[in-house]
């Protein structure tokens, strides 16, 4: 039943014949999507680097509790 609901044939009927087989619908290799992907990757990297000292502080403080 589920296989029939999510088949590409049914998706193309319900999505006006514009269906991606996967990749979350963000498969257009346009400049805007590329810039968006680079910005999101940079934000994730920056967030990880900024939160690392906080997690290290918590890791060091936990044995004292």
PDB file of N, CA and C in Angstrom:
ATOM      1  N   UNK A   1       0.820  -1.189   0.000  1.00  0.00           N
ATOM      2  CA  UNK A   1       0.000   0.000   0.000  1.00  0.00           C
ATOM      3  C   UNK A   1       0.868   1.259   0.000  1.00  0.00           C
ATOM      4  N   UNK A   2       1.854   1.306   0.894  1.00  0.00           N
ATOM      5  CA  UNK A   2       2.716   2.484   0.967  1.00  0.00           C
ATOM      6  C   UNK A   2       3.538   2.624  -0.307  1.00  0.00           C
ATOM      7  N   UNK A   3       4.010   1.500  -0.821  1.00  0.00           N
ATOM      8  CA  UNK A   3       4.800   1.541  -2.042  1.00  0.00           C
ATOM      9  C   UNK A   3       4.007   2.147  -3.193  1.00  0.00           C
ATOM     10  N   UNK A   4       2.726   1.852  -3.230  1.00  0.00           N
ATOM     11  CA  UNK A   4       1.894   2.408  -4.295  1.00  0.00           C
ATOM     12  C   UNK A   4       1.645   3.904  -4.085  1.00  0.00           C
ATOM     13  N   UNK A   5       1.493   4.324  -2.832  1.00  0.00           N
ATOM     14  CA  UNK A   5       1.241   5.740  -2.554  1.00  0.00           C
ATOM     15  C   UNK A   5       2.421   6.633  -2.915  1.00  0.00           C
ATOM     16  N   UNK A   6       3.630   6.142  -2.691  1.00  0.00           N
ATOM     17  CA  UNK A   6       4.801   6.977  -2.935  1.00  0.00           C
ATOM     18  C   UNK A   6       5.516   6.625  -4.231  1.00  0.00           C
ATOM     19  N   UNK A   7       4.857   5.924  -5.116  1.00  0.00           N
ATOM     20  CA  UNK A   7       5.478   5.587  -6.395  1.00  0.00           C
ATOM     21  C   UNK A   7       5.652   6.853  -7.231  1.00  0.00           C
ATOM     22  N   UNK A   8       6.667   6.899  -8.093  1.00  0.00           N
ATOM     23  CA  UNK A   8       6.886   8.085  -8.929  1.00  0.00           C
ATOM     24  C   UNK A   8       5.707   8.419  -9.832  1.00  0.00           C
ATOM     25  N   UNK A   9       4.938   7.417 -10.224  1.00  0.00           N
ATOM     26  CA  UNK A   9       3.773   7.680 -11.074  1.00  0.00           C
ATOM     27  C   UNK A   9       2.746   8.499 -10.307  1.00  0.00           C
ATOM     28  N   UNK A  10       2.432   8.105  -9.078  1.00  0.00           N
ATOM     29  CA  UNK A  10       1.467   8.859  -8.277  1.00  0.00           C
ATOM     30  C   UNK A  10       2.004  10.237  -7.906  1.00  0.00           C
ATOM     31  N   UNK A  11       3.287  10.333  -7.630  1.00  0.00           N
ATOM     32  CA  UNK A  11       3.849  11.631  -7.292  1.00  0.00           C
ATOM     33  C   UNK A  11       3.814  12.574  -8.477  1.00  0.00           C
ATOM     34  N   UNK A  12       4.060  12.040  -9.670  1.00  0.00           N
ATOM     35  CA  UNK A  12       4.038  12.919 -10.843  1.00  0.00           C
ATOM     36  C   UNK A  12       2.630  13.405 -11.136  1.00  0.00           C
ATOM     37  N   UNK A  13       1.626  12.603 -10.810  1.00  0.00           N
ATOM     38  CA  UNK A  13       0.247  13.035 -11.004  1.00  0.00           C
ATOM     39  C   UNK A  13      -0.112  14.108  -9.982  1.00  0.00           C
ATOM     40  N   UNK A  14       0.291  13.915  -8.730  1.00  0.00           N
ATOM     41  CA  UNK A  14      -0.098  14.855  -7.684  1.00  0.00           C
ATOM     42  C   UNK A  14       0.790  16.098  -7.643  1.00  0.00           C
ATOM     43  N   UNK A  15       1.964  16.047  -8.236  1.00  0.00           N
ATOM     44  CA  UNK A  15       2.892  17.180  -8.188  1.00  0.00           C
ATOM     45  C   UNK A  15       3.033  17.877  -9.540  1.00  0.00           C
ATOM     46  N   UNK A  16       2.073  17.742 -10.398  1.00  0.00           N
ATOM     47  CA  UNK A  16       2.065  18.399 -11.705  1.00  0.00           C
ATOM     48  C   UNK A  16       3.265  17.977 -12.557  1.00  0.00           C
ATOM     49  N   UNK A  17       3.596  16.694 -12.514  1.00  0.00           N
ATOM     50  CA  UNK A  17       4.631  16.063 -13.343  1.00  0.00           C
ATOM     51  C   UNK A  17       6.040  16.609 -13.098  1.00  0.00           C
ATOM     52  N   UNK A  18       6.306  17.174 -11.944  1.00  0.00           N
ATOM     53  CA  UNK A  18       7.627  17.697 -11.612  1.00  0.00           C
ATOM     54  C   UNK A  18       8.093  17.003 -10.342  1.00  0.00           C
ATOM     55  N   UNK A  19       8.754  15.865 -10.489  1.00  0.00           N
ATOM     56  CA  UNK A  19       9.063  15.007  -9.352  1.00  0.00           C
ATOM     57  C   UNK A  19      10.559  14.741  -9.301  1.00  0.00           C
ATOM     58  N   UNK A  20      11.116  14.833  -8.112  1.00  0.00           N
ATOM     59  CA  UNK A  20      12.477  14.388  -7.876  1.00  0.00           C
ATOM     60  C   UNK A  20      12.404  13.007  -7.256  1.00  0.00           C
ATOM     61  N   UNK A  21      13.320  12.145  -7.649  1.00  0.00           N
ATOM     62  CA  UNK A  21      13.317  10.789  -7.097  1.00  0.00           C
ATOM     63  C   UNK A  21      13.768  10.779  -5.643  1.00  0.00           C
ATOM     64  N   UNK A  22      14.403  11.798  -5.200  1.00  0.00           N
ATOM     65  CA  UNK A  22      14.870  11.874  -3.824  1.00  0.00           C
ATOM     66  C   UNK A  22      15.502  13.219  -3.590  1.00  0.00           C
ATOM     67  N   UNK A  23      16.368  13.315  -2.622  1.00  0.00           N
ATOM     68  CA  UNK A  23      17.163  14.499  -2.357  1.00  0.00           C
ATOM     69  C   UNK A  23      16.344  15.644  -1.791  1.00  0.00           C
ATOM     70  N   UNK A  24      15.177  15.377  -1.290  1.00  0.00           N
ATOM     71  CA  UNK A  24      14.408  16.379  -0.587  1.00  0.00           C
ATOM     72  C   UNK A  24      13.858  17.511  -1.424  1.00  0.00           C
ATOM     73  N   UNK A  25      13.813  17.362  -2.730  1.00  0.00           N
ATOM     74  CA  UNK A  25      13.262  18.398  -3.583  1.00  0.00           C
ATOM     75  C   UNK A  25      14.185  19.581  -3.791  1.00  0.00           C
ATOM     76  N   UNK A  26      15.443  19.465  -3.414  1.00  0.00           N
ATOM     77  CA  UNK A  26      16.379  20.572  -3.556  1.00  0.00           C
ATOM     78  C   UNK A  26      17.516  20.151  -4.481  1.00  0.00           C
ATOM     79  N   UNK A  27      17.170  19.617  -5.638  1.00  0.00           N
ATOM     80  CA  UNK A  27      18.172  19.073  -6.543  1.00  0.00           C
ATOM     81  C   UNK A  27      18.492  19.994  -7.704  1.00  0.00           C
ATOM     82  N   UNK A  28      17.942  21.190  -7.730  1.00  0.00           N
ATOM     83  CA  UNK A  28      18.241  22.111  -8.821  1.00  0.00           C
ATOM     84  C   UNK A  28      19.672  22.616  -8.680  1.00  0.00           C
ATOM     85  N   UNK A  29      20.509  22.400  -9.682  1.00  0.00           N
ATOM     86  CA  UNK A  29      21.898  22.885  -9.585  1.00  0.00           C
ATOM     87  C   UNK A  29      22.010  24.358  -9.981  1.00  0.00           C
ATOM     88  N   UNK A  30      21.252  25.206  -9.316  1.00  0.00           N
ATOM     89  CA  UNK A  30      21.283  26.632  -9.629  1.00  0.00           C
ATOM     90  C   UNK A  30      22.272  27.345  -8.718  1.00  0.00           C
ATOM     91  N   UNK A  31      22.612  28.549  -9.089  1.00  0.00           N
ATOM     92  CA  UNK A  31      23.548  29.345  -8.298  1.00  0.00           C
ATOM     93  C   UNK A  31      22.975  29.665  -6.919  1.00  0.00           C
ATOM     94  N   UNK A  32      21.688  29.940  -6.863  1.00  0.00           N
ATOM     95  CA  UNK A  32      21.056  30.261  -5.584  1.00  0.00           C
ATOM     96  C   UNK A  32      21.076  29.060  -4.636  1.00  0.00           C
ATOM     97  N   UNK A  33      20.775  27.868  -5.150  1.00  0.00           N
ATOM     98  CA  UNK A  33      20.812  26.677  -4.297  1.00  0.00           C
ATOM     99  C   UNK A  33      22.235  26.360  -3.854  1.00  0.00           C
ATOM    100  N   UNK A  34      23.208  26.562  -4.752  1.00  0.00           N
ATOM    101  CA  UNK A  34      24.599  26.331  -4.371  1.00  0.00           C
ATOM    102  C   UNK A  34      25.055  27.289  -3.288  1.00  0.00           C
ATOM    103  N   UNK A  35      24.693  28.564  -3.442  1.00  0.00           N
ATOM    104  CA  UNK A  35      25.054  29.553  -2.424  1.00  0.00           C
ATOM    105  C   UNK A  35      24.359  29.256  -1.104  1.00  0.00           C
ATOM    106  N   UNK A  36      23.122  28.822  -1.184  1.00  0.00           N
ATOM    107  CA  UNK A  36      22.376  28.474   0.026  1.00  0.00           C
ATOM    108  C   UNK A  36      23.023  27.289   0.736  1.00  0.00           C
ATOM    109  N   UNK A  37      23.449  26.300  -0.030  1.00  0.00           N
ATOM    110  CA  UNK A  37      24.089  25.117   0.556  1.00  0.00           C
ATOM    111  C   UNK A  37      25.422  25.493   1.198  1.00  0.00           C
ATOM    112  N   UNK A  38      26.197  26.350   0.534  1.00  0.00           N
ATOM    113  CA  UNK A  38      27.481  26.782   1.100  1.00  0.00           C
ATOM    114  C   UNK A  38      27.257  27.595   2.376  1.00  0.00           C
ATOM    115  N   UNK A  39      26.266  28.475   2.360  1.00  0.00           N
ATOM    116  CA  UNK A  39      25.959  29.260   3.556  1.00  0.00           C
ATOM    117  C   UNK A  39      25.508  28.393   4.717  1.00  0.00           C
ATOM    118  N   UNK A  40      24.694  27.390   4.426  1.00  0.00           N
ATOM    119  CA  UNK A  40      24.232  26.491   5.487  1.00  0.00           C
ATOM    120  C   UNK A  40      25.388  25.672   6.046  1.00  0.00           C
ATOM    121  N   UNK A  41      26.286  25.228   5.172  1.00  0.00           N
ATOM    122  CA  UNK A  41      27.449  24.466   5.641  1.00  0.00           C
ATOM    123  C   UNK A  41      28.361  25.335   6.497  1.00  0.00           C
ATOM    124  N   UNK A  42      28.567  26.579   6.076  1.00  0.00           N
ATOM    125  CA  UNK A  42      29.408  27.487   6.860  1.00  0.00           C
ATOM    126  C   UNK A  42      28.774  27.788   8.217  1.00  0.00           C
ATOM    127  N   UNK A  43      27.461  27.961   8.245  1.00  0.00           N
ATOM    128  CA  UNK A  43      26.774  28.204   9.511  1.00  0.00           C
ATOM    129  C   UNK A  43      26.850  27.017  10.452  1.00  0.00           C
ATOM    130  N   UNK A  44      26.741  25.819   9.895  1.00  0.00           N
ATOM    131  CA  UNK A  44      26.856  24.614  10.714  1.00  0.00           C
ATOM    132  C   UNK A  44      28.261  24.482  11.285  1.00  0.00           C
ATOM    133  N   UNK A  45      29.260  24.744  10.449  1.00  0.00           N
ATOM    134  CA  UNK A  45      30.641  24.673  10.906  1.00  0.00           C
ATOM    135  C   UNK A  45      30.917  25.714  11.990  1.00  0.00           C
ATOM    136  N   UNK A  46      30.467  26.932  11.773  1.00  0.00           N
ATOM    137  CA  UNK A  46      30.675  27.999  12.754  1.00  0.00           C
ATOM    138  C   UNK A  46      29.948  27.696  14.066  1.00  0.00           C
ATOM    139  N   UNK A  47      28.736  27.177  13.965  1.00  0.00           N
ATOM    140  CA  UNK A  47      27.996  26.815  15.174  1.00  0.00           C
ATOM    141  C   UNK A  47      28.689  25.714  15.956  1.00  0.00           C
ATOM    142  N   UNK A  48      29.242  24.742  15.246  1.00  0.00           N
ATOM    143  CA  UNK A  48      29.976  23.673  15.917  1.00  0.00           C
ATOM    144  C   UNK A  48      31.230  24.176  16.600  1.00  0.00           C
ATOM    145  N   UNK A  49      31.943  25.065  15.904  1.00  0.00           N
ATOM    146  CA  UNK A  49      33.170  25.605  16.496  1.00  0.00           C
ATOM    147  C   UNK A  49      32.879  26.493  17.703  1.00  0.00           C
ATOM    148  N   UNK A  50      31.775  27.221  17.674  1.00  0.00           N
ATOM    149  CA  UNK A  50      31.437  28.090  18.800  1.00  0.00           C
ATOM    150  C   UNK A  50      30.876  27.313  19.988  1.00  0.00           C
ATOM    151  N   UNK A  51      30.213  26.202  19.724  1.00  0.00           N
ATOM    152  CA  UNK A  51      29.631  25.445  20.836  1.00  0.00           C
ATOM    153  C   UNK A  51      30.628  24.464  21.453  1.00  0.00           C
ATOM    154  N   UNK A  52      31.734  24.189  20.782  1.00  0.00           N
ATOM    155  CA  UNK A  52      32.702  23.242  21.322  1.00  0.00           C
ATOM    156  C   UNK A  52      33.255  23.677  22.683  1.00  0.00           C
ATOM    157  N   UNK A  53      33.638  24.943  22.897  1.00  0.00           N
ATOM    158  CA  UNK A  53      34.112  25.330  24.242  1.00  0.00           C
ATOM    159  C   UNK A  53      33.043  25.181  25.323  1.00  0.00           C
ATOM    160  N   UNK A  54      31.793  25.421  24.956  1.00  0.00           N
ATOM    161  CA  UNK A  54      30.721  25.272  25.931  1.00  0.00           C
ATOM    162  C   UNK A  54      30.587  23.806  26.362  1.00  0.00           C
ATOM    163  N   UNK A  55      30.609  22.905  25.400  1.00  0.00           N
ATOM    164  CA  UNK A  55      30.502  21.487  25.739  1.00  0.00           C
ATOM    165  C   UNK A  55      31.715  21.019  26.540  1.00  0.00           C
ATOM    166  N   UNK A  56      32.880  21.570  26.246  1.00  0.00           N
ATOM    167  CA  UNK A  56      34.075  21.211  26.999  1.00  0.00           C
ATOM    168  C   UNK A  56      33.962  21.684  28.443  1.00  0.00           C
ATOM    169  N   UNK A  57      33.411  22.871  28.640  1.00  0.00           N
ATOM    170  CA  UNK A  57      33.207  23.389  29.997  1.00  0.00           C
ATOM    171  C   UNK A  57      32.239  22.513  30.778  1.00  0.00           C
ATOM    172  N   UNK A  58      31.158  22.100  30.143  1.00  0.00           N
ATOM    173  CA  UNK A  58      30.186  21.223  30.804  1.00  0.00           C
ATOM    174  C   UNK A  58      30.827  19.879  31.125  1.00  0.00           C
ATOM    175  N   UNK A  59      31.632  19.361  30.203  1.00  0.00           N
ATOM    176  CA  UNK A  59      32.297  18.071  30.434  1.00  0.00           C
ATOM    177  C   UNK A  59      33.246  18.153  31.622  1.00  0.00           C
ATOM    178  N   UNK A  60      33.934  19.274  31.769  1.00  0.00           N
ATOM    179  CA  UNK A  60      34.858  19.424  32.889  1.00  0.00           C
ATOM    180  C   UNK A  60      34.128  19.666  34.204  1.00  0.00           C
ATOM    181  N   UNK A  61      32.957  20.291  34.158  1.00  0.00           N
ATOM    182  CA  UNK A  61      32.234  20.616  35.389  1.00  0.00           C
ATOM    183  C   UNK A  61      31.409  19.444  35.909  1.00  0.00           C
ATOM    184  N   UNK A  62      31.039  18.513  35.063  1.00  0.00           N
ATOM    185  CA  UNK A  62      30.166  17.423  35.503  1.00  0.00           C
ATOM    186  C   UNK A  62      30.771  16.557  36.606  1.00  0.00           C
ATOM    187  N   UNK A  63      32.046  16.210  36.588  1.00  0.00           N
ATOM    188  CA  UNK A  63      32.563  15.392  37.705  1.00  0.00           C
ATOM    189  C   UNK A  63      32.508  16.096  39.056  1.00  0.00           C
ATOM    190  N   UNK A  64      32.417  17.415  39.083  1.00  0.00           N
ATOM    191  CA  UNK A  64      32.369  18.152  40.345  1.00  0.00           C
ATOM    192  C   UNK A  64      30.994  18.112  40.984  1.00  0.00           C
ATOM    193  N   UNK A  65      29.989  17.732  40.231  1.00  0.00           N
ATOM    194  CA  UNK A  65      28.626  17.726  40.769  1.00  0.00           C
ATOM    195  C   UNK A  65      28.329  16.448  41.487  1.00  0.00           C
TER     196      UNK A  65
END
